[in-house]
């Protein structure tokens, strides 16, 4: 927790799981007030909880100069997402 010296407010770090739990408990009426039609969009849907990953056969290694292989761009981007 962090304390702001000017206003004496306590601030704490909010994890992604806790933020998702808070957004998940927003009622449909409140979601509508926020400008979201609950049939098509809800605040808790804005946090990715499941990330589909295509199999290696869909994103094969790319052959570079000679016999060297390198992973394709999609594999590199998926790795970046998982690392962050």
PDB file of N, CA and C in Angstrom:
ATOM      1  N   UNK A   1       0.833  -1.187   0.000  1.00  0.00           N
ATOM      2  CA  UNK A   1       0.000   0.000   0.000  1.00  0.00           C
ATOM      3  C   UNK A   1       0.874   1.247   0.000  1.00  0.00           C
ATOM      4  N   UNK A   2       0.376   2.268  -0.651  1.00  0.00           N
ATOM      5  CA  UNK A   2       1.077   3.539  -0.731  1.00  0.00           C
ATOM      6  C   UNK A   2       0.192   4.619  -0.126  1.00  0.00           C
ATOM      7  N   UNK A   3       0.814   5.565   0.575  1.00  0.00           N
ATOM      8  CA  UNK A   3       0.065   6.665   1.172  1.00  0.00           C
ATOM      9  C   UNK A   3       0.468   7.948   0.461  1.00  0.00           C
ATOM     10  N   UNK A   4      -0.513   8.668  -0.052  1.00  0.00           N
ATOM     11  CA  UNK A   4      -0.287   9.960  -0.674  1.00  0.00           C
ATOM     12  C   UNK A   4      -0.178  10.991   0.445  1.00  0.00           C
ATOM     13  N   UNK A   5       0.988  11.633   0.560  1.00  0.00           N
ATOM     14  CA  UNK A   5       1.221  12.555   1.678  1.00  0.00           C
ATOM     15  C   UNK A   5       0.333  13.789   1.615  1.00  0.00           C
ATOM     16  N   UNK A   6      -0.023  14.234   0.411  1.00  0.00           N
ATOM     17  CA  UNK A   6      -0.836  15.443   0.286  1.00  0.00           C
ATOM     18  C   UNK A   6      -2.264  15.226   0.774  1.00  0.00           C
ATOM     19  N   UNK A   7      -2.868  14.123   0.403  1.00  0.00           N
ATOM     20  CA  UNK A   7      -4.271  13.905   0.746  1.00  0.00           C
ATOM     21  C   UNK A   7      -4.465  12.803   1.777  1.00  0.00           C
ATOM     22  N   UNK A   8      -3.387  12.145   2.202  1.00  0.00           N
ATOM     23  CA  UNK A   8      -3.440  11.058   3.179  1.00  0.00           C
ATOM     24  C   UNK A   8      -4.328   9.906   2.717  1.00  0.00           C
ATOM     25  N   UNK A   9      -4.428   9.719   1.401  1.00  0.00           N
ATOM     26  CA  UNK A   9      -5.207   8.609   0.858  1.00  0.00           C
ATOM     27  C   UNK A   9      -4.322   7.386   0.733  1.00  0.00           C
ATOM     28  N   UNK A  10      -4.873   6.240   1.082  1.00  0.00           N
ATOM     29  CA  UNK A  10      -4.139   4.992   0.913  1.00  0.00           C
ATOM     30  C   UNK A  10      -4.435   4.439  -0.468  1.00  0.00           C
ATOM     31  N   UNK A  11      -3.386   4.022  -1.155  1.00  0.00           N
ATOM     32  CA  UNK A  11      -3.539   3.425  -2.472  1.00  0.00           C
ATOM     33  C   UNK A  11      -2.911   2.045  -2.430  1.00  0.00           C
ATOM     34  N   UNK A  12      -3.576   1.086  -3.043  1.00  0.00           N
ATOM     35  CA  UNK A  12      -3.024  -0.264  -3.110  1.00  0.00           C
ATOM     36  C   UNK A  12      -3.031  -0.731  -4.562  1.00  0.00           C
ATOM     37  N   UNK A  13      -2.148  -1.665  -4.855  1.00  0.00           N
ATOM     38  CA  UNK A  13      -2.054  -2.209  -6.204  1.00  0.00           C
ATOM     39  C   UNK A  13      -3.206  -3.178  -6.416  1.00  0.00           C
ATOM     40  N   UNK A  14      -3.874  -3.021  -7.547  1.00  0.00           N
ATOM     41  CA  UNK A  14      -5.028  -3.848  -7.886  1.00  0.00           C
ATOM     42  C   UNK A  14      -4.600  -4.882  -8.920  1.00  0.00           C
ATOM     43  N   UNK A  15      -4.726  -6.152  -8.571  1.00  0.00           N
ATOM     44  CA  UNK A  15      -4.334  -7.211  -9.509  1.00  0.00           C
ATOM     45  C   UNK A  15      -5.383  -7.339 -10.611  1.00  0.00           C
ATOM     46  N   UNK A  16      -4.986  -7.968 -11.704  1.00  0.00           N
ATOM     47  CA  UNK A  16      -5.916  -8.172 -12.820  1.00  0.00           C
ATOM     48  C   UNK A  16      -7.083  -9.054 -12.393  1.00  0.00           C
ATOM     49  N   UNK A  17      -6.804 -10.066 -11.565  1.00  0.00           N
ATOM     50  CA  UNK A  17      -7.874 -10.956 -11.093  1.00  0.00           C
ATOM     51  C   UNK A  17      -8.896 -10.195 -10.257  1.00  0.00           C
ATOM     52  N   UNK A  18      -8.412  -9.311  -9.385  1.00  0.00           N
ATOM     53  CA  UNK A  18      -9.322  -8.534  -8.534  1.00  0.00           C
ATOM     54  C   UNK A  18     -10.131  -7.544  -9.381  1.00  0.00           C
ATOM     55  N   UNK A  19      -9.490  -6.917 -10.360  1.00  0.00           N
ATOM     56  CA  UNK A  19     -10.201  -5.990 -11.251  1.00  0.00           C
ATOM     57  C   UNK A  19     -11.292  -6.725 -12.012  1.00  0.00           C
ATOM     58  N   UNK A  20     -10.979  -7.938 -12.478  1.00  0.00           N
ATOM     59  CA  UNK A  20     -11.970  -8.736 -13.207  1.00  0.00           C
ATOM     60  C   UNK A  20     -13.137  -9.097 -12.296  1.00  0.00           C
ATOM     61  N   UNK A  21     -12.860  -9.451 -11.041  1.00  0.00           N
ATOM     62  CA  UNK A  21     -13.929  -9.774 -10.088  1.00  0.00           C
ATOM     63  C   UNK A  21     -14.838  -8.565  -9.858  1.00  0.00           C
ATOM     64  N   UNK A  22     -14.253  -7.397  -9.730  1.00  0.00           N
ATOM     65  CA  UNK A  22     -15.047  -6.177  -9.525  1.00  0.00           C
ATOM     66  C   UNK A  22     -15.930  -5.913 -10.743  1.00  0.00           C
ATOM     67  N   UNK A  23     -15.348  -5.998 -11.938  1.00  0.00           N
ATOM     68  CA  UNK A  23     -16.113  -5.747 -13.165  1.00  0.00           C
ATOM     69  C   UNK A  23     -17.190  -6.797 -13.382  1.00  0.00           C
ATOM     70  N   UNK A  24     -16.912  -8.034 -12.970  1.00  0.00           N
ATOM     71  CA  UNK A  24     -17.873  -9.125 -13.155  1.00  0.00           C
ATOM     72  C   UNK A  24     -19.138  -8.910 -12.323  1.00  0.00           C
ATOM     73  N   UNK A  25     -19.013  -8.218 -11.212  1.00  0.00           N
ATOM     74  CA  UNK A  25     -20.160  -8.009 -10.324  1.00  0.00           C
ATOM     75  C   UNK A  25     -20.982  -6.764 -10.675  1.00  0.00           C
ATOM     76  N   UNK A  26     -20.635  -6.086 -11.756  1.00  0.00           N
ATOM     77  CA  UNK A  26     -21.436  -4.940 -12.204  1.00  0.00           C
ATOM     78  C   UNK A  26     -22.742  -5.468 -12.797  1.00  0.00           C
ATOM     79  N   UNK A  27     -23.847  -4.935 -12.323  1.00  0.00           N
ATOM     80  CA  UNK A  27     -25.170  -5.386 -12.779  1.00  0.00           C
ATOM     81  C   UNK A  27     -25.444  -4.889 -14.196  1.00  0.00           C
ATOM     82  N   UNK A  28     -26.388  -5.551 -14.867  1.00  0.00           N
ATOM     83  CA  UNK A  28     -26.741  -5.185 -16.240  1.00  0.00           C
ATOM     84  C   UNK A  28     -27.225  -3.741 -16.331  1.00  0.00           C
ATOM     85  N   UNK A  29     -27.990  -3.287 -15.343  1.00  0.00           N
ATOM     86  CA  UNK A  29     -28.490  -1.914 -15.354  1.00  0.00           C
ATOM     87  C   UNK A  29     -27.329  -0.926 -15.287  1.00  0.00           C
ATOM     88  N   UNK A  30     -26.341  -1.228 -14.427  1.00  0.00           N
ATOM     89  CA  UNK A  30     -25.177  -0.350 -14.298  1.00  0.00           C
ATOM     90  C   UNK A  30     -24.335  -0.392 -15.568  1.00  0.00           C
ATOM     91  N   UNK A  31     -24.258  -1.545 -16.179  1.00  0.00           N
ATOM     92  CA  UNK A  31     -23.524  -1.691 -17.434  1.00  0.00           C
ATOM     93  C   UNK A  31     -24.162  -0.829 -18.520  1.00  0.00           C
ATOM     94  N   UNK A  32     -25.493  -0.796 -18.549  1.00  0.00           N
ATOM     95  CA  UNK A  32     -26.213   0.022 -19.521  1.00  0.00           C
ATOM     96  C   UNK A  32     -25.936   1.502 -19.282  1.00  0.00           C
ATOM     97  N   UNK A  33     -25.867   1.912 -18.009  1.00  0.00           N
ATOM     98  CA  UNK A  33     -25.560   3.307 -17.672  1.00  0.00           C
ATOM     99  C   UNK A  33     -24.156   3.674 -18.148  1.00  0.00           C
ATOM    100  N   UNK A  34     -23.243   2.705 -18.109  1.00  0.00           N
ATOM    101  CA  UNK A  34     -21.876   2.935 -18.585  1.00  0.00           C
ATOM    102  C   UNK A  34     -21.787   2.993 -20.110  1.00  0.00           C
ATOM    103  N   UNK A  35     -22.921   2.772 -20.785  1.00  0.00           N
ATOM    104  CA  UNK A  35     -22.945   2.859 -22.240  1.00  0.00           C
ATOM    105  C   UNK A  35     -22.737   1.536 -22.950  1.00  0.00           C
ATOM    106  N   UNK A  36     -22.871   0.437 -22.219  1.00  0.00           N
ATOM    107  CA  UNK A  36     -22.691  -0.888 -22.811  1.00  0.00           C
ATOM    108  C   UNK A  36     -24.007  -1.643 -22.787  1.00  0.00           C
ATOM    109  N   UNK A  37     -24.376  -2.207 -23.912  1.00  0.00           N
ATOM    110  CA  UNK A  37     -25.558  -3.054 -23.968  1.00  0.00           C
ATOM    111  C   UNK A  37     -25.142  -4.427 -23.451  1.00  0.00           C
ATOM    112  N   UNK A  38     -25.688  -4.872 -22.317  1.00  0.00           N
ATOM    113  CA  UNK A  38     -25.263  -6.143 -21.717  1.00  0.00           C
ATOM    114  C   UNK A  38     -25.422  -7.360 -22.621  1.00  0.00           C
ATOM    115  N   UNK A  39     -26.266  -7.255 -23.644  1.00  0.00           N
ATOM    116  CA  UNK A  39     -26.406  -8.381 -24.572  1.00  0.00           C
ATOM    117  C   UNK A  39     -25.149  -8.555 -25.421  1.00  0.00           C
ATOM    118  N   UNK A  40     -24.462  -7.444 -25.693  1.00  0.00           N
ATOM    119  CA  UNK A  40     -23.337  -7.478 -26.620  1.00  0.00           C
ATOM    120  C   UNK A  40     -21.991  -7.151 -25.976  1.00  0.00           C
ATOM    121  N   UNK A  41     -21.985  -6.413 -24.878  1.00  0.00           N
ATOM    122  CA  UNK A  41     -20.719  -6.031 -24.241  1.00  0.00           C
ATOM    123  C   UNK A  41     -20.933  -5.798 -22.755  1.00  0.00           C
ATOM    124  N   UNK A  42     -20.025  -6.340 -21.971  1.00  0.00           N
ATOM    125  CA  UNK A  42     -20.049  -6.130 -20.525  1.00  0.00           C
ATOM    126  C   UNK A  42     -18.661  -5.676 -20.089  1.00  0.00           C
ATOM    127  N   UNK A  43     -18.559  -4.934 -18.993  1.00  0.00           N
ATOM    128  CA  UNK A  43     -17.243  -4.468 -18.547  1.00  0.00           C
ATOM    129  C   UNK A  43     -16.248  -5.605 -18.295  1.00  0.00           C
ATOM    130  N   UNK A  44     -16.710  -6.726 -17.746  1.00  0.00           N
ATOM    131  CA  UNK A  44     -15.785  -7.833 -17.451  1.00  0.00           C
ATOM    132  C   UNK A  44     -15.283  -8.510 -18.720  1.00  0.00           C
ATOM    133  N   UNK A  45     -15.935  -8.296 -19.833  1.00  0.00           N
ATOM    134  CA  UNK A  45     -15.471  -8.867 -21.106  1.00  0.00           C
ATOM    135  C   UNK A  45     -14.269  -8.103 -21.653  1.00  0.00           C
ATOM    136  N   UNK A  46     -13.944  -6.951 -21.066  1.00  0.00           N
ATOM    137  CA  UNK A  46     -12.826  -6.144 -21.546  1.00  0.00           C
ATOM    138  C   UNK A  46     -11.473  -6.681 -21.072  1.00  0.00           C
ATOM    139  N   UNK A  47     -11.481  -7.653 -20.173  1.00  0.00           N
ATOM    140  CA  UNK A  47     -10.251  -8.295 -19.702  1.00  0.00           C
ATOM    141  C   UNK A  47     -10.197  -9.697 -20.292  1.00  0.00           C
ATOM    142  N   UNK A  48      -9.126  -9.994 -20.994  1.00  0.00           N
ATOM    143  CA  UNK A  48      -8.976 -11.308 -21.627  1.00  0.00           C
ATOM    144  C   UNK A  48      -8.668 -12.339 -20.550  1.00  0.00           C
ATOM    145  N   UNK A  49      -9.534 -13.344 -20.424  1.00  0.00           N
ATOM    146  CA  UNK A  49      -9.308 -14.420 -19.453  1.00  0.00           C
ATOM    147  C   UNK A  49      -8.922 -15.719 -20.134  1.00  0.00           C
ATOM    148  N   UNK A  50      -9.239 -15.843 -21.411  1.00  0.00           N
ATOM    149  CA  UNK A  50      -8.880 -17.026 -22.195  1.00  0.00           C
ATOM    150  C   UNK A  50      -8.250 -16.535 -23.495  1.00  0.00           C
ATOM    151  N   UNK A  51      -7.076 -17.066 -23.804  1.00  0.00           N
ATOM    152  CA  UNK A  51      -6.387 -16.670 -25.022  1.00  0.00           C
ATOM    153  C   UNK A  51      -6.187 -17.891 -25.903  1.00  0.00           C
ATOM    154  N   UNK A  52      -6.988 -18.030 -26.957  1.00  0.00           N
ATOM    155  CA  UNK A  52      -6.809 -19.178 -27.844  1.00  0.00           C
ATOM    156  C   UNK A  52      -5.481 -19.074 -28.591  1.00  0.00           C
ATOM    157  N   UNK A  53      -4.758 -20.174 -28.609  1.00  0.00           N
ATOM    158  CA  UNK A  53      -3.461 -20.224 -29.284  1.00  0.00           C
ATOM    159  C   UNK A  53      -3.541 -21.256 -30.399  1.00  0.00           C
ATOM    160  N   UNK A  54      -3.284 -20.851 -31.635  1.00  0.00           N
ATOM    161  CA  UNK A  54      -3.335 -21.813 -32.735  1.00  0.00           C
ATOM    162  C   UNK A  54      -2.200 -22.830 -32.624  1.00  0.00           C
ATOM    163  N   UNK A  55      -2.427 -24.053 -33.080  1.00  0.00           N
ATOM    164  CA  UNK A  55      -1.385 -25.081 -32.992  1.00  0.00           C
ATOM    165  C   UNK A  55      -0.196 -24.754 -33.902  1.00  0.00           C
ATOM    166  N   UNK A  56       0.925 -25.417 -33.644  1.00  0.00           N
ATOM    167  CA  UNK A  56       2.138 -25.168 -34.422  1.00  0.00           C
ATOM    168  C   UNK A  56       1.960 -25.433 -35.908  1.00  0.00           C
ATOM    169  N   UNK A  57       1.069 -26.350 -36.262  1.00  0.00           N
ATOM    170  CA  UNK A  57       0.868 -26.643 -37.685  1.00  0.00           C
ATOM    171  C   UNK A  57       0.293 -25.445 -38.437  1.00  0.00           C
ATOM    172  N   UNK A  58      -0.391 -24.553 -37.731  1.00  0.00           N
ATOM    173  CA  UNK A  58      -0.957 -23.355 -38.349  1.00  0.00           C
ATOM    174  C   UNK A  58       0.085 -22.241 -38.418  1.00  0.00           C
ATOM    175  N   UNK A  59       1.045 -22.261 -37.507  1.00  0.00           N
ATOM    176  CA  UNK A  59       2.103 -21.246 -37.469  1.00  0.00           C
ATOM    177  C   UNK A  59       3.476 -21.922 -37.522  1.00  0.00           C
ATOM    178  N   UNK A  60       3.802 -22.500 -38.669  1.00  0.00           N
ATOM    179  CA  UNK A  60       5.051 -23.264 -38.785  1.00  0.00           C
ATOM    180  C   UNK A  60       6.291 -22.374 -38.737  1.00  0.00           C
ATOM    181  N   UNK A  61       7.431 -23.013 -38.482  1.00  0.00           N
ATOM    182  CA  UNK A  61       8.705 -22.298 -38.474  1.00  0.00           C
ATOM    183  C   UNK A  61       9.032 -21.831 -39.888  1.00  0.00           C
ATOM    184  N   UNK A  62       9.697 -20.696 -39.973  1.00  0.00           N
ATOM    185  CA  UNK A  62      10.083 -20.119 -41.256  1.00  0.00           C
ATOM    186  C   UNK A  62      11.538 -20.481 -41.518  1.00  0.00           C
ATOM    187  N   UNK A  63      11.824 -20.972 -42.709  1.00  0.00           N
ATOM    188  CA  UNK A  63      13.199 -21.334 -43.052  1.00  0.00           C
ATOM    189  C   UNK A  63      13.940 -20.075 -43.493  1.00  0.00           C
ATOM    190  N   UNK A  64      15.042 -19.811 -42.812  1.00  0.00           N
ATOM    191  CA  UNK A  64      15.866 -18.640 -43.118  1.00  0.00           C
ATOM    192  C   UNK A  64      16.959 -19.050 -44.094  1.00  0.00           C
ATOM    193  N   UNK A  65      17.999 -18.295 -44.161  1.00  0.00           N
ATOM    194  CA  UNK A  65      19.120 -18.565 -45.071  1.00  0.00           C
ATOM    195  C   UNK A  65      19.706 -19.938 -44.778  1.00  0.00           C
ATOM    196  N   UNK A  66      19.841 -20.738 -45.791  1.00  0.00           N
ATOM    197  CA  UNK A  66      20.406 -22.071 -45.618  1.00  0.00           C
ATOM    198  C   UNK A  66      19.429 -22.982 -44.913  1.00  0.00           C
ATOM    199  N   UNK A  67      19.860 -23.585 -43.831  1.00  0.00           N
ATOM    200  CA  UNK A  67      19.003 -24.523 -43.102  1.00  0.00           C
ATOM    201  C   UNK A  67      18.517 -23.963 -41.771  1.00  0.00           C
ATOM    202  N   UNK A  68      18.802 -22.695 -41.490  1.00  0.00           N
ATOM    203  CA  UNK A  68      18.380 -22.081 -40.228  1.00  0.00           C
ATOM    204  C   UNK A  68      16.863 -21.893 -40.223  1.00  0.00           C
ATOM    205  N   UNK A  69      16.256 -22.108 -39.045  1.00  0.00           N
ATOM    206  CA  UNK A  69      14.806 -21.930 -38.898  1.00  0.00           C
ATOM    207  C   UNK A  69      14.535 -20.846 -37.863  1.00  0.00           C
ATOM    208  N   UNK A  70      13.444 -20.174 -38.052  1.00  0.00           N
ATOM    209  CA  UNK A  70      13.013 -19.139 -37.128  1.00  0.00           C
ATOM    210  C   UNK A  70      11.502 -19.259 -36.971  1.00  0.00           C
ATOM    211  N   UNK A  71      10.995 -18.882 -35.809  1.00  0.00           N
ATOM    212  CA  UNK A  71       9.551 -18.926 -35.582  1.00  0.00           C
ATOM    213  C   UNK A  71       8.883 -17.782 -36.345  1.00  0.00           C
ATOM    214  N   UNK A  72       7.642 -17.988 -36.723  1.00  0.00           N
ATOM    215  CA  UNK A  72       6.933 -16.954 -37.478  1.00  0.00           C
ATOM    216  C   UNK A  72       6.534 -15.801 -36.563  1.00  0.00           C
ATOM    217  N   UNK A  73       6.037 -14.721 -37.142  1.00  0.00           N
ATOM    218  CA  UNK A  73       5.696 -13.510 -36.395  1.00  0.00           C
ATOM    219  C   UNK A  73       4.609 -13.754 -35.361  1.00  0.00           C
ATOM    220  N   UNK A  74       3.632 -14.578 -35.692  1.00  0.00           N
ATOM    221  CA  UNK A  74       2.538 -14.852 -34.762  1.00  0.00           C
ATOM    222  C   UNK A  74       3.055 -15.506 -33.481  1.00  0.00           C
ATOM    223  N   UNK A  75       3.982 -16.441 -33.616  1.00  0.00           N
ATOM    224  CA  UNK A  75       4.559 -17.100 -32.445  1.00  0.00           C
ATOM    225  C   UNK A  75       5.309 -16.090 -31.582  1.00  0.00           C
ATOM    226  N   UNK A  76       6.047 -15.180 -32.205  1.00  0.00           N
ATOM    227  CA  UNK A  76       6.766 -14.150 -31.450  1.00  0.00           C
ATOM    228  C   UNK A  76       5.786 -13.232 -30.720  1.00  0.00           C
ATOM    229  N   UNK A  77       4.694 -12.853 -31.360  1.00  0.00           N
ATOM    230  CA  UNK A  77       3.706 -11.978 -30.720  1.00  0.00           C
ATOM    231  C   UNK A  77       2.997 -12.688 -29.568  1.00  0.00           C
ATOM    232  N   UNK A  78       2.671 -13.958 -29.739  1.00  0.00           N
ATOM    233  CA  UNK A  78       2.058 -14.720 -28.646  1.00  0.00           C
ATOM    234  C   UNK A  78       3.000 -14.785 -27.448  1.00  0.00           C
ATOM    235  N   UNK A  79       4.283 -14.978 -27.705  1.00  0.00           N
ATOM    236  CA  UNK A  79       5.272 -15.002 -26.621  1.00  0.00           C
ATOM    237  C   UNK A  79       5.332 -13.647 -25.920  1.00  0.00           C
ATOM    238  N   UNK A  80       5.263 -12.549 -26.670  1.00  0.00           N
ATOM    239  CA  UNK A  80       5.264 -11.210 -26.069  1.00  0.00           C
ATOM    240  C   UNK A  80       4.051 -11.004 -25.168  1.00  0.00           C
ATOM    241  N   UNK A  81       2.888 -11.468 -25.612  1.00  0.00           N
ATOM    242  CA  UNK A  81       1.665 -11.323 -24.818  1.00  0.00           C
ATOM    243  C   UNK A  81       1.770 -12.116 -23.528  1.00  0.00           C
ATOM    244  N   UNK A  82       2.260 -13.332 -23.613  1.00  0.00           N
ATOM    245  CA  UNK A  82       2.358 -14.182 -22.428  1.00  0.00           C
ATOM    246  C   UNK A  82       3.384 -13.632 -21.443  1.00  0.00           C
ATOM    247  N   UNK A  83       4.470 -13.054 -21.934  1.00  0.00           N
ATOM    248  CA  UNK A  83       5.511 -12.498 -21.063  1.00  0.00           C
ATOM    249  C   UNK A  83       5.040 -11.251 -20.331  1.00  0.00           C
ATOM    250  N   UNK A  84       4.107 -10.498 -20.911  1.00  0.00           N
ATOM    251  CA  UNK A  84       3.693  -9.234 -20.289  1.00  0.00           C
ATOM    252  C   UNK A  84       2.662  -9.406 -19.219  1.00  0.00           C
TER     253      UNK A  84
END
